[in-house]
Structure formats: C-alpha cells, structure tokens
C-alpha cells in the first residue's frame, strides 16, 4: 500500500484529502485515512500539491516516426522516461508514414516492453497504408487475438497515404468493429487526417449512409479542419487535436473547438516521437522536426494560464474524454475509489512533481524513482 497524505484532488481542490493505493488501484479517498503502519509500504506527504489522473495519450510513435526524406530522418523510439516526465501514464502506440522499415510486430513488442516496465500501453495495427499491414494477416484477428491491439490506423486526405476509397474505408471500419466486439475493446479506425482538400468528407458520408456507428472512426490532426470536425462531433464523433510545437496556438484551437462541439467529444494527443514534416506548395519536403509527448502538458498549462480554464476542466481532453473514447472509463481517466492508481501530483504552478502509474511510484518530488533500461 501507498498512502498519499494532504493532497488536493483536482476536481475539488479546496478539500484536503488522503488517497490510499493498494496494488494497482485506488481503494479510498477521504480525509485523514488511518491505516496500521505495518501495512503501508510508503507514505507520501502531498501538502500543497494537487492530485490529478494520469494523462492518456492516444497517438504516440513509440517505435519512432519519420522517414520522409530518407533513412537519416527516422525519429528514435520513445523512452519510458519521456512518458514519466510528461505525466502520460496510458499510451497508445502506432505507426505512421513508414510501415515498411517499421512493422506491426516491432510495435507490439515495444508495447509489451512498456507494459512489462509497469506502464499501461496499447497499440494500433496498420499504418498510413491500405491494404493494411497487420500481424496475423487480418485486422479483425489482430484486434481480437493480440491483447495490446485495440484498433487500426490509416491515413486519409494526405499525399503520403494510399488513396483509400470510401468502400475500402467502410470495409476497414467493419473489420475493426468486429474485432472490437469479439474482444471487448474499442475496435476503432484511427485516421491520420492530412491537409488535403478532401478532409473528413469520406467518413462523414460513411457515418450518414452506412450501418457503421460514428464511434468506429477517430480522426486526428484536426486543427486545419475545424468546420468538418465540428460537423463530425455533431454526429456524436470524437475529434482529436495535436499538441504540436506551439502550446498557445493549440490551446486556442481547443478553445474554439469547445465553442463549436460538445466538450466531452474533444480530445488531445501529442504525436510524440512522430515526424512533423514541412512541405512547400509542391509537396516537397523543406524541413522536419519531431513531436514531444511533453507537449500535452504544455497545452494544458496554456489553457489554464492564457485562456482561464480551470485545470479540472482543461485536463478532460487528456483524461476522461479519451478514456471513454477508448472504452477504458471509469478504470482510467479519473480519481475515484476502484479506479486505476495513475496519479499525478502537481505544484501550484502546474509543474509535475510526482508520477504514480498502476500504483507504482516512478517520480517523487521531481526525483526519478526507477531505473530505466538502456537510457
């Protein structure tokens, strides 16, 4: 057991509470929890700190992204320390442009490695390309039989994609949904949305004209597609925005999204360790950088400090909303008895002071409490 003393829960920060953790779970939140000392492995004084759920990032290139412009442009794989420092306690890994030199098998192995180290990690089969690169030869079988795989990824409206047709995308949606139903998982089609003129028209049309529920499709990178994103959200869909490199700009985008779509349908992800290429008007590569998982928290801070949001409201895009979208709620995405002990302790300036994932202490008052492998 771990006992957190004198913390202020994010949703009622005026009330000082204790949080009792047993194994992976929160078992009690109450004032002055009294437990026999012999049962407590560690007591942590959180006086002056706010307790919040760990973040859920549903778009991270855990094996590294990139590759546009040559092999030297490949981004390195993600390190566990990057997730710890970013406060991301649940991560969904995926492939991007490159499903050729990187494989679903490698992605699943990296996902398993994070889980072995005490984290919560899932992944998506596929990449930008269609027909889909899979592990078993079938999208439905990948989702059904591979524990870590919860959906499939493909690219739309992008010159780097495969030009997937409406009929092919519909079949992919049915395959993902069937895998999700058979395995009790989300069974989603995660859609990299490029800057092409087509935008979200295909999936909006599929939702309006087919038997597939809107919950199957999860478009991301929607900052440049606000009108169609709002229309998709009005149909009941989730719309995901990318943290990027400018926290103030993305906080402004989220502020706009909240005014045009249901707030419980808006999510944020980092595109961490994915490539952020820059193209000229002829689709020629003129520069490339990489995403950071820490950008998630930077955007939350900008929402609070620059747009006046309460922290408890701002973090819904990284906690409650993605947890519900991925069928992880209420075990993930909130602080409550019976929920997973994924807990961040933050200072008054929103600095991440302490990180607990699955009931295991990874950072305490700014100091690492684990030994990362090969870092």
Protein backbone atom coordinates (compact mmCIF):
# COMPACT_ATOMS: atom_id res chain seq x y z
CA UNK A 1 0.00 0.00 0.00
CA UNK A 2 0.97 3.62 -0.63
CA UNK A 3 -0.71 6.44 1.28
CA UNK A 4 -0.79 9.95 -0.14
CA UNK A 5 -1.43 12.49 2.60
CA UNK A 6 -2.81 16.05 2.45
CA UNK A 7 -3.35 16.31 -1.31
CA UNK A 8 -5.97 18.46 -3.02
CA UNK A 9 -7.98 16.46 -5.60
CA UNK A 10 -8.13 18.24 -8.96
CA UNK A 11 -11.94 18.35 -9.05
CA UNK A 12 -12.35 19.79 -5.54
CA UNK A 13 -9.05 21.45 -4.82
CA UNK A 14 -10.30 23.24 -1.71
CA UNK A 15 -10.67 19.96 0.18
CA UNK A 16 -7.53 18.28 1.52
CA UNK A 17 -7.79 14.51 1.20
CA UNK A 18 -5.74 11.36 1.62
CA UNK A 19 -5.54 8.73 -1.14
CA UNK A 20 -4.92 5.09 -0.31
CA UNK A 21 -3.44 2.86 -3.02
CA UNK A 22 -3.37 -0.93 -2.86
CA UNK A 23 -1.66 -2.74 -5.72
CA UNK A 24 -2.74 -1.07 -8.97
CA UNK A 25 -5.90 0.51 -7.59
CA UNK A 26 -7.14 3.45 -5.57
CA UNK A 27 -9.14 1.94 -2.73
CA UNK A 28 -10.12 5.05 -0.74
CA UNK A 29 -10.13 8.84 -0.99
CA UNK A 30 -11.10 10.55 2.25
CA UNK A 31 -9.85 12.98 4.91
CA UNK A 32 -7.40 11.51 7.40
CA UNK A 33 -7.27 7.88 6.29
CA UNK A 34 -5.96 5.80 9.17
CA UNK A 35 -4.18 2.57 8.25
CA UNK A 36 -1.92 0.47 10.52
CA UNK A 37 1.66 1.49 9.81
CA UNK A 38 2.78 -2.09 9.26
CA UNK A 39 0.54 -2.29 6.17
CA UNK A 40 1.92 0.83 4.46
CA UNK A 41 4.93 0.47 2.22
CA UNK A 42 5.32 4.21 1.76
CA UNK A 43 3.65 7.41 2.96
CA UNK A 44 3.99 10.48 0.73
CA UNK A 45 3.23 13.95 2.06
CA UNK A 46 1.49 15.88 -0.70
CA UNK A 47 0.87 19.08 1.20
CA UNK A 48 0.41 21.96 -1.22
CA UNK A 49 0.08 19.61 -4.22
CA UNK A 50 -2.90 18.91 -6.48
CA UNK A 51 -3.69 15.27 -7.31
CA UNK A 52 -4.93 14.51 -10.84
CA UNK A 53 -5.42 11.43 -13.03
CA UNK A 54 -2.51 10.45 -15.25
CA UNK A 55 -2.80 11.58 -18.85
CA UNK A 56 -3.96 9.30 -21.68
CA UNK A 57 -2.18 9.94 -24.98
CA UNK A 58 -3.79 8.02 -27.83
CA UNK A 59 -1.34 8.95 -30.60
CA UNK A 60 2.36 8.27 -29.92
CA UNK A 61 5.01 6.84 -32.24
CA UNK A 62 6.59 4.62 -29.60
CA UNK A 63 8.89 2.92 -32.13
CA UNK A 64 9.76 6.28 -33.71
CA UNK A 65 8.21 8.02 -36.71
CA UNK A 66 9.50 9.86 -39.70
CA UNK A 67 11.44 8.60 -42.67
CA UNK A 68 10.20 11.20 -45.13
CA UNK A 69 13.34 12.45 -46.84
CA UNK A 70 15.46 9.35 -46.19
CA UNK A 71 16.63 6.96 -43.51
CA UNK A 72 18.53 9.65 -41.58
CA UNK A 73 15.19 11.37 -40.90
CA UNK A 74 13.82 8.48 -38.85
CA UNK A 75 12.92 9.53 -35.30
CA UNK A 76 14.28 7.32 -32.47
CA UNK A 77 11.97 5.11 -30.39
CA UNK A 78 10.27 6.58 -27.32
CA UNK A 79 11.88 6.17 -23.91
CA UNK A 80 9.91 5.40 -20.76
CA UNK A 81 11.44 8.44 -19.07
CA UNK A 82 9.75 10.66 -21.67
CA UNK A 83 6.34 9.31 -20.64
CA UNK A 84 7.15 9.70 -16.94
CA UNK A 85 8.26 13.31 -17.30
CA UNK A 86 5.20 14.11 -19.44
CA UNK A 87 2.74 12.60 -16.96
CA UNK A 88 1.39 10.25 -19.66
CA UNK A 89 0.52 7.06 -17.78
CA UNK A 90 -1.52 5.41 -20.56
CA UNK A 91 -0.19 5.44 -24.11
CA UNK A 92 -1.42 4.15 -27.47
CA UNK A 93 1.40 3.42 -29.89
CA UNK A 94 1.09 3.46 -33.68
CA UNK A 95 2.97 3.54 -36.95
CA UNK A 96 2.94 6.46 -39.37
CA UNK A 97 4.16 7.07 -42.90
CA UNK A 98 6.62 4.21 -42.65
CA UNK A 99 5.04 0.77 -42.44
CA UNK A 100 7.89 -0.66 -44.49
CA UNK A 101 11.07 -0.41 -42.42
CA UNK A 102 8.96 -0.43 -39.25
CA UNK A 103 6.49 -3.24 -38.59
CA UNK A 104 3.41 -4.03 -36.54
CA UNK A 105 5.42 -6.84 -34.93
CA UNK A 106 8.02 -4.35 -33.69
CA UNK A 107 5.25 -2.04 -32.49
CA UNK A 108 3.56 -4.79 -30.50
CA UNK A 109 6.91 -5.80 -28.97
CA UNK A 110 7.60 -2.21 -27.87
CA UNK A 111 4.09 -2.01 -26.40
CA UNK A 112 4.70 -5.18 -24.43
CA UNK A 113 8.00 -3.74 -23.19
CA UNK A 114 6.28 -0.68 -21.71
CA UNK A 115 3.71 -2.90 -20.02
CA UNK A 116 6.48 -5.07 -18.56
CA UNK A 117 8.01 -1.96 -17.01
CA UNK A 118 4.78 -1.13 -15.20
CA UNK A 119 3.14 1.25 -17.65
CA UNK A 120 -0.19 0.92 -19.47
CA UNK A 121 0.35 0.66 -23.22
CA UNK A 122 -1.83 -0.28 -26.17
CA UNK A 123 -1.25 -0.05 -29.92
CA UNK A 124 -2.94 0.04 -33.31
CA UNK A 125 -2.34 -2.28 -36.21
CA UNK A 126 -1.74 -0.77 -39.66
CA UNK A 127 -0.02 2.44 -40.74
CA UNK A 128 -0.81 5.14 -43.33
CA UNK A 129 -1.21 2.47 -45.97
CA UNK A 130 -4.09 0.40 -47.30
CA UNK A 131 -4.24 -2.62 -47.76
CA UNK A 132 -3.40 -2.70 -44.08
CA UNK A 133 -0.13 -4.07 -42.74
CA UNK A 134 -1.07 -6.49 -39.95
CA UNK A 135 0.48 -9.10 -37.68
CA UNK A 136 -1.92 -12.00 -38.35
CA UNK A 137 -3.00 -11.14 -41.90
CA UNK A 138 -6.36 -9.79 -40.71
CA UNK A 139 -7.36 -6.53 -39.00
CA UNK A 140 -10.17 -8.31 -37.17
CA UNK A 141 -7.85 -11.09 -35.99
CA UNK A 142 -5.17 -8.60 -34.86
CA UNK A 143 -7.68 -6.77 -32.65
CA UNK A 144 -9.35 -9.97 -31.43
CA UNK A 145 -6.30 -12.04 -30.54
CA UNK A 146 -3.46 -9.58 -29.82
CA UNK A 147 -4.10 -8.25 -26.34
CA UNK A 148 -2.39 -4.91 -26.89
CA UNK A 149 -4.06 -4.04 -30.23
CA UNK A 150 -7.27 -2.02 -29.83
CA UNK A 151 -7.81 -0.71 -33.36
CA UNK A 152 -6.31 0.07 -36.75
CA UNK A 153 -4.72 3.16 -38.27
CA UNK A 154 -4.91 4.53 -41.81
CA UNK A 155 -4.29 7.89 -43.50
CA UNK A 156 -6.87 9.98 -45.33
CA UNK A 157 -6.62 13.27 -47.22
CA UNK A 158 -2.82 13.07 -47.45
CA UNK A 159 -0.41 12.77 -50.37
CA UNK A 160 1.57 10.21 -48.36
CA UNK A 161 -1.44 7.92 -47.98
CA UNK A 162 -2.77 5.17 -50.23
CA UNK A 163 -5.79 7.00 -51.62
CA UNK A 164 -8.16 4.70 -49.74
CA UNK A 165 -11.66 4.73 -51.26
CA UNK A 166 -14.95 5.14 -49.42
CA UNK A 167 -15.75 1.46 -50.00
CA UNK A 168 -12.36 0.32 -48.68
CA UNK A 169 -12.66 2.59 -45.63
CA UNK A 170 -16.13 1.21 -44.94
CA UNK A 171 -14.81 -2.37 -45.05
CA UNK A 172 -11.95 -1.39 -42.75
CA UNK A 173 -14.48 0.08 -40.33
CA UNK A 174 -16.48 -3.16 -40.32
CA UNK A 175 -13.29 -5.19 -39.72
CA UNK A 176 -12.26 -3.00 -36.77
CA UNK A 177 -15.73 -3.02 -35.28
CA UNK A 178 -15.97 -6.80 -35.49
CA UNK A 179 -12.59 -7.18 -33.76
CA UNK A 180 -13.68 -4.78 -31.06
CA UNK A 181 -16.96 -6.59 -30.45
CA UNK A 182 -15.32 -10.03 -30.28
CA UNK A 183 -12.62 -8.88 -27.84
CA UNK A 184 -14.49 -6.26 -25.80
CA UNK A 185 -12.15 -3.50 -26.99
CA UNK A 186 -12.74 -0.12 -28.60
CA UNK A 187 -12.30 -1.52 -32.13
CA UNK A 188 -11.55 1.85 -33.74
CA UNK A 189 -10.27 3.16 -37.06
CA UNK A 190 -7.78 5.88 -36.12
CA UNK A 191 -7.49 8.32 -39.02
CA UNK A 192 -4.43 10.42 -39.72
CA UNK A 193 -6.04 13.40 -41.45
CA UNK A 194 -3.69 15.26 -43.78
CA UNK A 195 -4.01 18.73 -45.25
CA UNK A 196 -5.71 17.62 -48.47
CA UNK A 197 -8.92 19.18 -49.71
CA UNK A 198 -10.95 16.02 -49.09
CA UNK A 199 -10.72 16.48 -45.28
CA UNK A 200 -13.32 14.36 -43.42
CA UNK A 201 -15.86 14.03 -46.22
CA UNK A 202 -15.43 10.26 -46.63
CA UNK A 203 -16.02 9.35 -43.01
CA UNK A 204 -18.87 11.84 -42.60
CA UNK A 205 -20.52 10.28 -45.66
CA UNK A 206 -19.93 6.75 -44.33
CA UNK A 207 -21.48 7.63 -40.96
CA UNK A 208 -24.52 9.19 -42.65
CA UNK A 209 -25.12 6.44 -45.21
CA UNK A 210 -23.88 3.15 -43.73
CA UNK A 211 -24.74 0.97 -40.74
CA UNK A 212 -21.44 1.71 -39.02
CA UNK A 213 -21.71 3.76 -35.80
CA UNK A 214 -19.79 7.02 -35.62
CA UNK A 215 -17.79 5.67 -32.67
CA UNK A 216 -15.76 3.46 -35.03
CA UNK A 217 -13.97 6.41 -36.66
CA UNK A 218 -11.45 8.57 -34.76
CA UNK A 219 -9.95 11.35 -36.90
CA UNK A 220 -6.93 13.26 -35.59
CA UNK A 221 -4.78 16.27 -36.59
CA UNK A 222 -7.92 18.38 -36.99
CA UNK A 223 -6.63 21.90 -36.30
CA UNK A 224 -6.93 22.79 -40.01
CA UNK A 225 -10.33 21.14 -40.40
CA UNK A 226 -12.48 22.84 -37.76
CA UNK A 227 -15.68 23.10 -39.82
CA UNK A 228 -15.81 19.42 -40.69
CA UNK A 229 -14.54 18.46 -37.23
CA UNK A 230 -17.50 20.31 -35.70
CA UNK A 231 -19.86 18.53 -38.11
CA UNK A 232 -18.37 15.15 -37.22
CA UNK A 233 -18.70 15.91 -33.49
CA UNK A 234 -22.34 16.92 -34.04
CA UNK A 235 -22.93 13.37 -35.30
CA UNK A 236 -21.57 12.05 -31.99
CA UNK A 237 -17.95 11.50 -33.01
CA UNK A 238 -14.78 12.25 -31.09
CA UNK A 239 -12.44 14.84 -32.59
CA UNK A 240 -8.74 14.82 -31.74
CA UNK A 241 -6.27 17.70 -31.92
CA UNK A 242 -2.48 17.50 -31.90
CA UNK A 243 -0.38 19.27 -29.23
CA UNK A 244 2.26 20.29 -31.78
CA UNK A 245 5.04 22.78 -31.11
CA UNK A 246 3.07 25.91 -30.17
CA UNK A 247 1.08 25.36 -26.93
CA UNK A 248 -0.66 28.75 -27.07
CA UNK A 249 -1.88 28.14 -30.62
CA UNK A 250 -3.23 24.67 -29.81
CA UNK A 251 -4.88 25.93 -26.61
CA UNK A 252 -6.64 28.48 -28.80
CA UNK A 253 -7.73 25.73 -31.19
CA UNK A 254 -9.19 23.74 -28.29
CA UNK A 255 -10.95 26.86 -27.03
CA UNK A 256 -12.57 27.21 -30.46
CA UNK A 257 -13.44 23.52 -30.56
CA UNK A 258 -15.20 23.80 -27.20
CA UNK A 259 -17.36 26.59 -28.60
CA UNK A 260 -18.35 24.58 -31.69
CA UNK A 261 -18.56 20.98 -30.49
CA UNK A 262 -19.66 19.13 -27.34
CA UNK A 263 -16.83 19.44 -24.83
CA UNK A 264 -16.99 15.76 -23.99
CA UNK A 265 -16.18 14.90 -27.63
CA UNK A 266 -12.86 16.78 -27.79
CA UNK A 267 -9.53 15.05 -27.13
CA UNK A 268 -5.83 15.95 -27.32
CA UNK A 269 -2.82 13.83 -28.28
CA UNK A 270 0.86 14.59 -28.79
CA UNK A 271 2.05 12.77 -31.94
CA UNK A 272 5.05 12.15 -29.69
CA UNK A 273 8.23 10.95 -31.46
CA UNK A 274 6.41 11.26 -34.76
CA UNK A 275 7.81 13.34 -37.58
CA UNK A 276 6.47 16.84 -38.15
CA UNK A 277 7.48 17.43 -41.76
CA UNK A 278 7.20 20.78 -43.51
CA UNK A 279 6.20 20.84 -47.18
CA UNK A 280 6.17 23.55 -49.82
CA UNK A 281 3.31 24.15 -52.24
CA UNK A 282 4.63 21.36 -54.48
CA UNK A 283 4.57 18.79 -51.64
CA UNK A 284 8.37 18.87 -51.46
CA UNK A 285 9.99 18.32 -48.07
CA UNK A 286 11.68 21.50 -46.80
CA UNK A 287 12.20 20.62 -43.14
CA UNK A 288 11.37 18.10 -40.42
CA UNK A 289 11.10 18.06 -36.62
CA UNK A 290 9.62 15.58 -34.14
CA UNK A 291 6.64 15.65 -31.77
CA UNK A 292 7.04 15.60 -27.98
CA UNK A 293 4.79 13.78 -25.50
CA UNK A 294 5.53 16.61 -23.05
CA UNK A 295 3.62 18.96 -25.37
CA UNK A 296 0.37 17.57 -23.92
CA UNK A 297 1.01 19.16 -20.56
CA UNK A 298 2.31 22.36 -22.16
CA UNK A 299 -1.07 22.80 -23.89
CA UNK A 300 -2.94 22.19 -20.62
CA UNK A 301 -0.83 24.86 -18.92
CA UNK A 302 -1.59 27.29 -21.76
CA UNK A 303 -5.31 26.59 -21.43
CA UNK A 304 -5.14 27.43 -17.74
CA UNK A 305 -2.71 30.35 -17.81
CA UNK A 306 -3.71 32.02 -21.08
CA UNK A 307 -7.39 31.13 -21.56
CA UNK A 308 -8.55 30.98 -17.95
CA UNK A 309 -9.71 27.37 -17.82
CA UNK A 310 -9.84 25.52 -14.53
CA UNK A 311 -7.27 22.75 -14.50
CA UNK A 312 -10.03 20.22 -13.80
CA UNK A 313 -11.83 21.30 -16.99
CA UNK A 314 -8.73 21.58 -19.16
CA UNK A 315 -7.44 18.07 -18.50
CA UNK A 316 -10.63 16.33 -19.63
CA UNK A 317 -9.14 16.23 -23.16
CA UNK A 318 -6.35 14.00 -21.79
CA UNK A 319 -8.24 12.06 -19.11
CA UNK A 320 -11.99 11.46 -19.03
CA UNK A 321 -12.72 12.03 -22.72
CA UNK A 322 -10.08 9.70 -24.22
CA UNK A 323 -10.78 7.13 -21.50
CA UNK A 324 -14.42 6.98 -22.59
CA UNK A 325 -13.47 7.02 -26.28
CA UNK A 326 -11.16 4.01 -25.79
CA UNK A 327 -13.57 2.10 -23.50
CA UNK A 328 -11.21 2.47 -20.53
CA UNK A 329 -13.53 4.55 -18.32
CA UNK A 330 -14.07 4.58 -15.35
CA UNK A 331 -10.99 2.50 -14.55
CA UNK A 332 -8.89 5.10 -16.33
CA UNK A 333 -9.42 8.83 -16.62
CA UNK A 334 -10.41 9.90 -13.12
CA UNK A 335 -9.51 9.72 -9.43
CA UNK A 336 -12.01 7.57 -7.55
CA UNK A 337 -12.10 4.50 -5.35
CA UNK A 338 -11.94 1.50 -7.66
CA UNK A 339 -10.08 3.35 -10.40
CA UNK A 340 -6.51 2.71 -11.51
CA UNK A 341 -3.83 4.37 -9.40
CA UNK A 342 -2.50 6.54 -12.23
CA UNK A 343 -1.86 9.74 -10.31
CA UNK A 344 -0.02 12.99 -10.93
CA UNK A 345 0.85 15.41 -8.13
CA UNK A 346 1.29 18.97 -9.37
CA UNK A 347 2.54 22.17 -7.79
CA UNK A 348 0.60 25.44 -7.75
CA UNK A 349 2.46 26.37 -10.95
CA UNK A 350 1.32 23.06 -12.54
CA UNK A 351 4.81 21.57 -12.54
CA UNK A 352 4.60 17.75 -12.47
CA UNK A 353 6.06 16.87 -9.07
CA UNK A 354 5.20 13.18 -8.61
CA UNK A 355 4.09 10.41 -11.00
CA UNK A 356 2.42 7.14 -10.00
CA UNK A 357 1.41 4.63 -12.69
CA UNK A 358 -0.54 1.44 -11.93
CA UNK A 359 0.17 2.03 -8.26
CA UNK A 360 3.95 2.14 -8.78
CA UNK A 361 5.97 5.22 -7.90
CA UNK A 362 8.05 6.46 -10.85
CA UNK A 363 8.83 10.03 -9.77
CA UNK A 364 8.73 11.58 -6.30
CA UNK A 365 9.07 15.34 -5.76
CA UNK A 366 10.92 15.69 -9.05
CA UNK A 367 13.30 12.76 -8.50
CA UNK A 368 13.24 9.57 -10.58
CA UNK A 369 12.31 6.50 -8.51
CA UNK A 370 13.05 3.80 -11.09
CA UNK A 371 15.99 2.62 -13.15
CA UNK A 372 15.22 2.89 -16.87
CA UNK A 373 16.68 0.24 -19.14
CA UNK A 374 19.23 1.34 -21.75
CA UNK A 375 18.75 5.05 -21.12
